[in-house]
């Protein structure tokens, strides 16, 4: 653990710990970072963003910083899901999210390993 309360969750002044992942045996998949955004309060806890069903809107959020060595020939995947019981209350209504991949982007700082 790097910081016990360093990752701001953006609601009720709650925080989460910033952690570093220790090297482990290679597996088919591995979670290397995560992020959270409250779609109705993306900027702060007191300013509500109105969301109109069927109308596009933009969100920006940071992923938890981490250092990870991606083995050669492996791929990165981004998983997006609509409710996280640790962060939000599960809605009773069915909600569908559509991601405009042509207009979406992710920026990842990286460094090439000079040691091969």
C-alpha atoms as a PDB file:
ATOM      1  CA  UNK A   1       0.000   0.000   0.000  1.00  0.00           C
ATOM      2  CA  UNK A   2       1.352   3.387  -1.033  1.00  0.00           C
ATOM      3  CA  UNK A   3      -1.241   5.684   0.570  1.00  0.00           C
ATOM      4  CA  UNK A   4      -4.132   4.587   2.796  1.00  0.00           C
ATOM      5  CA  UNK A   5      -6.486   7.342   1.614  1.00  0.00           C
ATOM      6  CA  UNK A   6      -4.852   8.753  -1.516  1.00  0.00           C
ATOM      7  CA  UNK A   7      -7.428   7.849  -4.182  1.00  0.00           C
ATOM      8  CA  UNK A   8     -10.431  10.222  -4.069  1.00  0.00           C
ATOM      9  CA  UNK A   9     -13.709   8.465  -4.899  1.00  0.00           C
ATOM     10  CA  UNK A  10     -15.642  11.720  -5.304  1.00  0.00           C
ATOM     11  CA  UNK A  11     -18.630  11.078  -3.058  1.00  0.00           C
ATOM     12  CA  UNK A  12     -19.200  11.517   0.675  1.00  0.00           C
ATOM     13  CA  UNK A  13     -15.523  12.526   0.896  1.00  0.00           C
ATOM     14  CA  UNK A  14     -14.595   8.816   0.733  1.00  0.00           C
ATOM     15  CA  UNK A  15     -11.205   7.607  -0.382  1.00  0.00           C
ATOM     16  CA  UNK A  16      -9.560   4.326  -1.272  1.00  0.00           C
ATOM     17  CA  UNK A  17      -6.012   3.147  -0.842  1.00  0.00           C
ATOM     18  CA  UNK A  18      -3.403   3.502  -3.574  1.00  0.00           C
ATOM     19  CA  UNK A  19      -1.671   0.173  -4.013  1.00  0.00           C
ATOM     20  CA  UNK A  20       1.144  -1.228  -6.123  1.00  0.00           C
ATOM     21  CA  UNK A  21       0.840  -4.688  -7.598  1.00  0.00           C
ATOM     22  CA  UNK A  22       3.549  -7.181  -6.683  1.00  0.00           C
ATOM     23  CA  UNK A  23       4.921  -9.455  -9.413  1.00  0.00           C
ATOM     24  CA  UNK A  24       3.055 -12.753  -9.489  1.00  0.00           C
ATOM     25  CA  UNK A  25       2.966 -15.856 -11.591  1.00  0.00           C
ATOM     26  CA  UNK A  26       1.713 -15.212 -15.099  1.00  0.00           C
ATOM     27  CA  UNK A  27      -2.040 -15.688 -15.536  1.00  0.00           C
ATOM     28  CA  UNK A  28      -4.406 -15.340 -18.461  1.00  0.00           C
ATOM     29  CA  UNK A  29      -5.778 -12.044 -17.093  1.00  0.00           C
ATOM     30  CA  UNK A  30      -4.722  -9.564 -14.463  1.00  0.00           C
ATOM     31  CA  UNK A  31      -6.305  -6.399 -13.080  1.00  0.00           C
ATOM     32  CA  UNK A  32      -3.619  -3.715 -13.179  1.00  0.00           C
ATOM     33  CA  UNK A  33      -5.617  -0.556 -12.413  1.00  0.00           C
ATOM     34  CA  UNK A  34      -9.129   0.765 -11.886  1.00  0.00           C
ATOM     35  CA  UNK A  35     -11.059   4.010 -11.939  1.00  0.00           C
ATOM     36  CA  UNK A  36     -14.469   5.297 -10.909  1.00  0.00           C
ATOM     37  CA  UNK A  37     -16.729   8.112 -12.005  1.00  0.00           C
ATOM     38  CA  UNK A  38     -20.171   9.011 -10.733  1.00  0.00           C
ATOM     39  CA  UNK A  39     -22.028   9.900 -13.933  1.00  0.00           C
ATOM     40  CA  UNK A  40     -24.402  12.310 -12.208  1.00  0.00           C
ATOM     41  CA  UNK A  41     -21.622  14.004 -10.205  1.00  0.00           C
ATOM     42  CA  UNK A  42     -18.514  13.692 -12.405  1.00  0.00           C
ATOM     43  CA  UNK A  43     -16.844  16.940 -11.237  1.00  0.00           C
ATOM     44  CA  UNK A  44     -17.704  17.072  -7.530  1.00  0.00           C
ATOM     45  CA  UNK A  45     -20.253  15.838  -4.988  1.00  0.00           C
ATOM     46  CA  UNK A  46     -22.439  18.942  -5.049  1.00  0.00           C
ATOM     47  CA  UNK A  47     -22.815  19.662  -8.794  1.00  0.00           C
ATOM     48  CA  UNK A  48     -25.284  17.405 -10.621  1.00  0.00           C
ATOM     49  CA  UNK A  49     -24.899  16.760 -14.343  1.00  0.00           C
ATOM     50  CA  UNK A  50     -28.287  16.125 -15.933  1.00  0.00           C
ATOM     51  CA  UNK A  51     -28.272  12.974 -18.055  1.00  0.00           C
ATOM     52  CA  UNK A  52     -30.897  12.629 -20.770  1.00  0.00           C
ATOM     53  CA  UNK A  53     -31.492   9.059 -21.969  1.00  0.00           C
ATOM     54  CA  UNK A  54     -30.414   8.629 -25.581  1.00  0.00           C
ATOM     55  CA  UNK A  55     -28.342  11.826 -25.561  1.00  0.00           C
ATOM     56  CA  UNK A  56     -24.542  11.611 -25.699  1.00  0.00           C
ATOM     57  CA  UNK A  57     -22.394  13.021 -22.887  1.00  0.00           C
ATOM     58  CA  UNK A  58     -18.700  13.010 -22.040  1.00  0.00           C
ATOM     59  CA  UNK A  59     -16.885  11.888 -18.899  1.00  0.00           C
ATOM     60  CA  UNK A  60     -13.214  12.187 -17.998  1.00  0.00           C
ATOM     61  CA  UNK A  61     -11.595  10.356 -15.097  1.00  0.00           C
ATOM     62  CA  UNK A  62      -8.221   9.096 -13.987  1.00  0.00           C
ATOM     63  CA  UNK A  63      -7.235   5.506 -13.419  1.00  0.00           C
ATOM     64  CA  UNK A  64      -5.347   4.610 -10.257  1.00  0.00           C
ATOM     65  CA  UNK A  65      -1.661   5.098 -11.058  1.00  0.00           C
ATOM     66  CA  UNK A  66       0.438   1.946 -11.039  1.00  0.00           C
ATOM     67  CA  UNK A  67       3.639   0.502 -12.463  1.00  0.00           C
ATOM     68  CA  UNK A  68       3.214  -2.714 -14.398  1.00  0.00           C
ATOM     69  CA  UNK A  69       5.463  -4.634 -16.774  1.00  0.00           C
ATOM     70  CA  UNK A  70       3.338  -5.920 -19.642  1.00  0.00           C
ATOM     71  CA  UNK A  71       4.907  -9.129 -20.951  1.00  0.00           C
ATOM     72  CA  UNK A  72       5.665  -9.286 -24.679  1.00  0.00           C
ATOM     73  CA  UNK A  73       2.779 -10.480 -26.867  1.00  0.00           C
ATOM     74  CA  UNK A  74       0.175  -9.594 -24.201  1.00  0.00           C
ATOM     75  CA  UNK A  75      -2.713  -7.196 -24.813  1.00  0.00           C
ATOM     76  CA  UNK A  76      -4.439  -4.549 -22.713  1.00  0.00           C
ATOM     77  CA  UNK A  77      -8.213  -4.541 -22.314  1.00  0.00           C
ATOM     78  CA  UNK A  78     -10.461  -1.879 -20.845  1.00  0.00           C
ATOM     79  CA  UNK A  79     -13.516  -3.149 -18.963  1.00  0.00           C
ATOM     80  CA  UNK A  80     -16.378  -0.712 -18.362  1.00  0.00           C
ATOM     81  CA  UNK A  81     -19.310  -1.621 -16.169  1.00  0.00           C
ATOM     82  CA  UNK A  82     -22.327   0.312 -14.946  1.00  0.00           C
ATOM     83  CA  UNK A  83     -22.578  -0.295 -11.200  1.00  0.00           C
ATOM     84  CA  UNK A  84     -20.029  -1.102  -8.540  1.00  0.00           C
ATOM     85  CA  UNK A  85     -21.507  -2.158  -5.230  1.00  0.00           C
ATOM     86  CA  UNK A  86     -18.437  -0.857  -3.411  1.00  0.00           C
ATOM     87  CA  UNK A  87     -18.980   2.608  -4.915  1.00  0.00           C
ATOM     88  CA  UNK A  88     -22.692   3.007  -5.714  1.00  0.00           C
ATOM     89  CA  UNK A  89     -26.138   1.639  -5.017  1.00  0.00           C
ATOM     90  CA  UNK A  90     -27.403  -0.722  -7.670  1.00  0.00           C
ATOM     91  CA  UNK A  91     -30.303   0.914  -9.560  1.00  0.00           C
ATOM     92  CA  UNK A  92     -33.617  -0.926  -9.849  1.00  0.00           C
ATOM     93  CA  UNK A  93     -34.158   0.161 -13.470  1.00  0.00           C
ATOM     94  CA  UNK A  94     -32.247  -1.504 -16.301  1.00  0.00           C
ATOM     95  CA  UNK A  95     -29.668   0.906 -17.725  1.00  0.00           C
ATOM     96  CA  UNK A  96     -27.773   0.381 -20.976  1.00  0.00           C
ATOM     97  CA  UNK A  97     -24.586   2.294 -21.754  1.00  0.00           C
ATOM     98  CA  UNK A  98     -23.275   2.733 -25.278  1.00  0.00           C
ATOM     99  CA  UNK A  99     -19.657   3.718 -25.821  1.00  0.00           C
ATOM    100  CA  UNK A 100     -18.781   5.687 -28.958  1.00  0.00           C
ATOM    101  CA  UNK A 101     -15.452   3.982 -29.631  1.00  0.00           C
ATOM    102  CA  UNK A 102     -14.646   6.292 -32.560  1.00  0.00           C
ATOM    103  CA  UNK A 103     -14.823   9.317 -30.240  1.00  0.00           C
ATOM    104  CA  UNK A 104     -13.300   7.668 -27.146  1.00  0.00           C
ATOM    105  CA  UNK A 105      -9.668   7.705 -26.082  1.00  0.00           C
ATOM    106  CA  UNK A 106      -7.409   6.518 -23.305  1.00  0.00           C
ATOM    107  CA  UNK A 107      -3.957   7.928 -22.566  1.00  0.00           C
ATOM    108  CA  UNK A 108      -1.423   5.611 -20.972  1.00  0.00           C
ATOM    109  CA  UNK A 109       2.101   6.742 -20.151  1.00  0.00           C
ATOM    110  CA  UNK A 110       4.558   3.980 -20.946  1.00  0.00           C
ATOM    111  CA  UNK A 111       8.251   3.287 -21.084  1.00  0.00           C
ATOM    112  CA  UNK A 112       9.963   0.684 -23.256  1.00  0.00           C
ATOM    113  CA  UNK A 113      12.085  -1.724 -21.234  1.00  0.00           C
ATOM    114  CA  UNK A 114      15.663  -1.263 -22.456  1.00  0.00           C
ATOM    115  CA  UNK A 115      16.664  -4.629 -20.927  1.00  0.00           C
ATOM    116  CA  UNK A 116      14.508  -6.568 -23.360  1.00  0.00           C
END
